[in-house]
Amino acid sequence: MAEPSSLSSSCFSSQRSETQKGFTDPEMAAAQQLMQLSGDEEDNDCKSKNKGNPDGEEEELEQNQSEITSAKIEEIFGREEEEEEEKQLRPRKRRYRSLVHIYMTTEPVNVKKVRC
């Protein structure tokens, strides 16, 4: 049987694995559940009004709900991608001084020839 400390560390390591967009797997799962739950209220209202609908209309309703849910997720998580793109379009910060600046601020070094 595994020790509790090893179980908790493996649990934390799985929670820390990030998706491509910078969100952890549990955060993505929670967001999807929230989107489904918010859609369930609307879905229940529509089904109670349209109980006599054939199966084809029910499938169409479910498809519309899934499209709305995916659009909301893209809207929420797509914004971060746009921000990343904007960051890439900005000019990069200079990390180092230019060679011209270095030559202007330094004095030449006198080099003596060494005989071998």
Foldseek 3Di string as FASTA:
>chain_A
DDDPVVVVVVVVVQQPDADPLGHGPVVVVVLLVVLVVVLVVVLVVVCVVPVVDDPVVNVVVVVVSVVVSVVVVCVVSVVSVVVVVVVVPDDDDDPDDDPVVVVVPDDDDDDDDDDD
